Amino acid sequence: MSTVRPTVAELSERLWTGFPEAVHIGVEDDSAAHAGHAGAQGGAGHYRVQIVSPVFAGLRSVARHRLVYHCVGDWIPGRVHALSMTLSTPGDQA
């Protein structure tokens, strides 16, 4: 049975709901680059996610990633196979 991966718009909406204070959220569907990969065979997607949010202040990388996984965890591993994340605060951008 094939799984329908979320669209960029669906994933973006889910992230904006989870991070309403974010100053930037970018999502790229990188699934085509992973065609043939075992995780992609069932239809689950690979994405690159960039989030700039003050909520990440004072958090280490693992804690930042956990916050993102909390937003989309119900889609993993069924609809989303992999997320490549760049997570920063507005101050990190300076």
C-alpha atoms as a PDB file:
ATOM      1  CA  MET A   1       0.000   0.000   0.000  1.00  0.00           C
ATOM      2  CA  SER A   2       1.383   3.367  -1.001  1.00  0.00           C
ATOM      3  CA  THR A   3       1.382   6.305   1.402  1.00  0.00           C
ATOM      4  CA  VAL A   4       0.644   9.844   0.293  1.00  0.00           C
ATOM      5  CA  ARG A   5       3.359  12.171   1.484  1.00  0.00           C
ATOM      6  CA  PRO A   6       2.261  15.620   2.630  1.00  0.00           C
ATOM      7  CA  THR A   7       2.549  18.506   0.211  1.00  0.00           C
ATOM      8  CA  VAL A   8       4.914  21.354   0.991  1.00  0.00           C
ATOM      9  CA  ALA A   9       1.832  23.443   1.840  1.00  0.00           C
ATOM     10  CA  GLU A  10       0.486  20.811   4.264  1.00  0.00           C
ATOM     11  CA  LEU A  11       3.832  20.456   6.026  1.00  0.00           C
ATOM     12  CA  SER A  12       4.281  24.244   6.152  1.00  0.00           C
ATOM     13  CA  GLU A  13       0.810  24.677   7.627  1.00  0.00           C
ATOM     14  CA  ARG A  14       1.519  22.061  10.285  1.00  0.00           C
ATOM     15  CA  LEU A  15       4.793  23.803  11.211  1.00  0.00           C
ATOM     16  CA  TRP A  16       3.224  27.287  11.310  1.00  0.00           C
ATOM     17  CA  THR A  17       0.555  25.886  13.647  1.00  0.00           C
ATOM     18  CA  GLY A  18       3.267  24.473  15.908  1.00  0.00           C
ATOM     19  CA  PHE A  19       5.506  27.548  15.701  1.00  0.00           C
ATOM     20  CA  PRO A  20       3.172  30.555  15.389  1.00  0.00           C
ATOM     21  CA  GLU A  21       5.882  32.898  16.691  1.00  0.00           C
ATOM     22  CA  ALA A  22       8.347  31.873  13.963  1.00  0.00           C
ATOM     23  CA  VAL A  23       9.775  34.605  11.777  1.00  0.00           C
ATOM     24  CA  HIS A  24      10.521  32.168   8.952  1.00  0.00           C
ATOM     25  CA  ILE A  25       9.518  28.662   7.982  1.00  0.00           C
ATOM     26  CA  GLY A  26      10.752  27.144   4.752  1.00  0.00           C
ATOM     27  CA  VAL A  27       9.980  23.664   3.459  1.00  0.00           C
ATOM     28  CA  GLU A  28      11.448  21.927   0.424  1.00  0.00           C
ATOM     29  CA  ASP A  29      10.330  18.537  -0.849  1.00  0.00           C
ATOM     30  CA  ASP A  30      13.555  16.641  -1.451  1.00  0.00           C
ATOM     31  CA  SER A  31      11.822  13.325  -2.192  1.00  0.00           C
ATOM     32  CA  ALA A  32      12.876  13.117  -5.842  1.00  0.00           C
ATOM     33  CA  ALA A  33      16.529  13.023  -4.787  1.00  0.00           C
ATOM     34  CA  HIS A  34      15.784   9.922  -2.716  1.00  0.00           C
ATOM     35  CA  ALA A  35      13.879   7.881  -5.296  1.00  0.00           C
ATOM     36  CA  GLY A  36      14.782   4.220  -4.908  1.00  0.00           C
ATOM     37  CA  HIS A  37      15.748   4.700  -1.263  1.00  0.00           C
ATOM     38  CA  ALA A  38      14.113   2.064   0.955  1.00  0.00           C
ATOM     39  CA  GLY A  39      12.213   4.665   2.970  1.00  0.00           C
ATOM     40  CA  ALA A  40      10.830   6.291  -0.152  1.00  0.00           C
ATOM     41  CA  GLN A  41       9.425   3.102  -1.659  1.00  0.00           C
ATOM     42  CA  GLY A  42       6.196   3.300   0.347  1.00  0.00           C
ATOM     43  CA  GLY A  43       5.602   6.899  -0.704  1.00  0.00           C
ATOM     44  CA  ALA A  44       6.846   8.676   2.417  1.00  0.00           C
ATOM     45  CA  GLY A  45       8.585  11.987   1.745  1.00  0.00           C
ATOM     46  CA  HIS A  46      11.984  13.518   2.420  1.00  0.00           C
ATOM     47  CA  TYR A  47      11.984  17.206   3.318  1.00  0.00           C
ATOM     48  CA  ARG A  48      14.348  20.044   4.137  1.00  0.00           C
ATOM     49  CA  VAL A  49      12.924  22.321   6.815  1.00  0.00           C
ATOM     50  CA  GLN A  50      14.242  25.708   7.921  1.00  0.00           C
ATOM     51  CA  ILE A  51      12.683  27.383  10.930  1.00  0.00           C
ATOM     52  CA  VAL A  52      13.756  30.636  12.567  1.00  0.00           C
ATOM     53  CA  SER A  53      11.921  31.058  15.861  1.00  0.00           C
ATOM     54  CA  PRO A  54      12.592  32.686  19.213  1.00  0.00           C
ATOM     55  CA  VAL A  55      11.222  29.524  20.882  1.00  0.00           C
ATOM     56  CA  PHE A  56      14.568  27.837  20.121  1.00  0.00           C
ATOM     57  CA  ALA A  57      16.491  30.303  22.334  1.00  0.00           C
ATOM     58  CA  GLY A  58      18.533  28.496  24.950  1.00  0.00           C
ATOM     59  CA  LEU A  59      17.738  25.056  23.528  1.00  0.00           C
ATOM     60  CA  ARG A  60      20.315  22.602  22.277  1.00  0.00           C
ATOM     61  CA  SER A  61      19.954  21.013  18.868  1.00  0.00           C
ATOM     62  CA  VAL A  62      18.284  17.826  20.144  1.00  0.00           C
ATOM     63  CA  ALA A  63      15.631  19.810  22.038  1.00  0.00           C
ATOM     64  CA  ARG A  64      14.940  21.935  18.951  1.00  0.00           C
ATOM     65  CA  HIS A  65      14.516  18.816  16.826  1.00  0.00           C
ATOM     66  CA  ARG A  66      12.148  17.293  19.388  1.00  0.00           C
ATOM     67  CA  LEU A  67       9.871  20.333  19.120  1.00  0.00           C
ATOM     68  CA  VAL A  68       9.633  19.848  15.353  1.00  0.00           C
ATOM     69  CA  TYR A  69       9.039  16.108  15.688  1.00  0.00           C
ATOM     70  CA  HIS A  70       6.254  16.895  18.157  1.00  0.00           C
ATOM     71  CA  CYS A  71       4.477  18.827  15.370  1.00  0.00           C
ATOM     72  CA  VAL A  72       4.764  16.124  12.712  1.00  0.00           C
ATOM     73  CA  GLY A  73       5.381  12.949  14.695  1.00  0.00           C
ATOM     74  CA  ASP A  74       2.062  11.416  13.688  1.00  0.00           C
ATOM     75  CA  TRP A  75       3.257  11.545  10.041  1.00  0.00           C
ATOM     76  CA  ILE A  76       6.512   9.693  10.802  1.00  0.00           C
ATOM     77  CA  PRO A  77       7.311   7.161   9.399  1.00  0.00           C
ATOM     78  CA  GLY A  78       4.107   6.786   7.347  1.00  0.00           C
ATOM     79  CA  ARG A  79       3.898  10.050   5.384  1.00  0.00           C
ATOM     80  CA  VAL A  80       7.295  11.537   6.235  1.00  0.00           C
ATOM     81  CA  HIS A  81      10.390   9.384   6.072  1.00  0.00           C
ATOM     82  CA  ALA A  82      13.063  12.011   6.730  1.00  0.00           C
ATOM     83  CA  LEU A  83      13.460  15.628   7.787  1.00  0.00           C
ATOM     84  CA  SER A  84      16.663  17.564   7.321  1.00  0.00           C
ATOM     85  CA  MET A  85      16.347  20.488   9.710  1.00  0.00           C
ATOM     86  CA  THR A  86      18.030  23.844  10.074  1.00  0.00           C
ATOM     87  CA  LEU A  87      16.634  25.380  13.256  1.00  0.00           C
ATOM     88  CA  SER A  88      17.743  28.725  14.593  1.00  0.00           C
ATOM     89  CA  THR A  89      16.709  31.802  16.544  1.00  0.00           C
ATOM     90  CA  PRO A  90      16.489  35.283  15.044  1.00  0.00           C
ATOM     91  CA  GLY A  91      19.690  36.093  16.983  1.00  0.00           C
ATOM     92  CA  ASP A  92      21.525  33.184  15.339  1.00  0.00           C
ATOM     93  CA  GLN A  93      20.969  34.896  11.992  1.00  0.00           C
ATOM     94  CA  ALA A  94      23.002  37.985  12.937  1.00  0.00           C
END
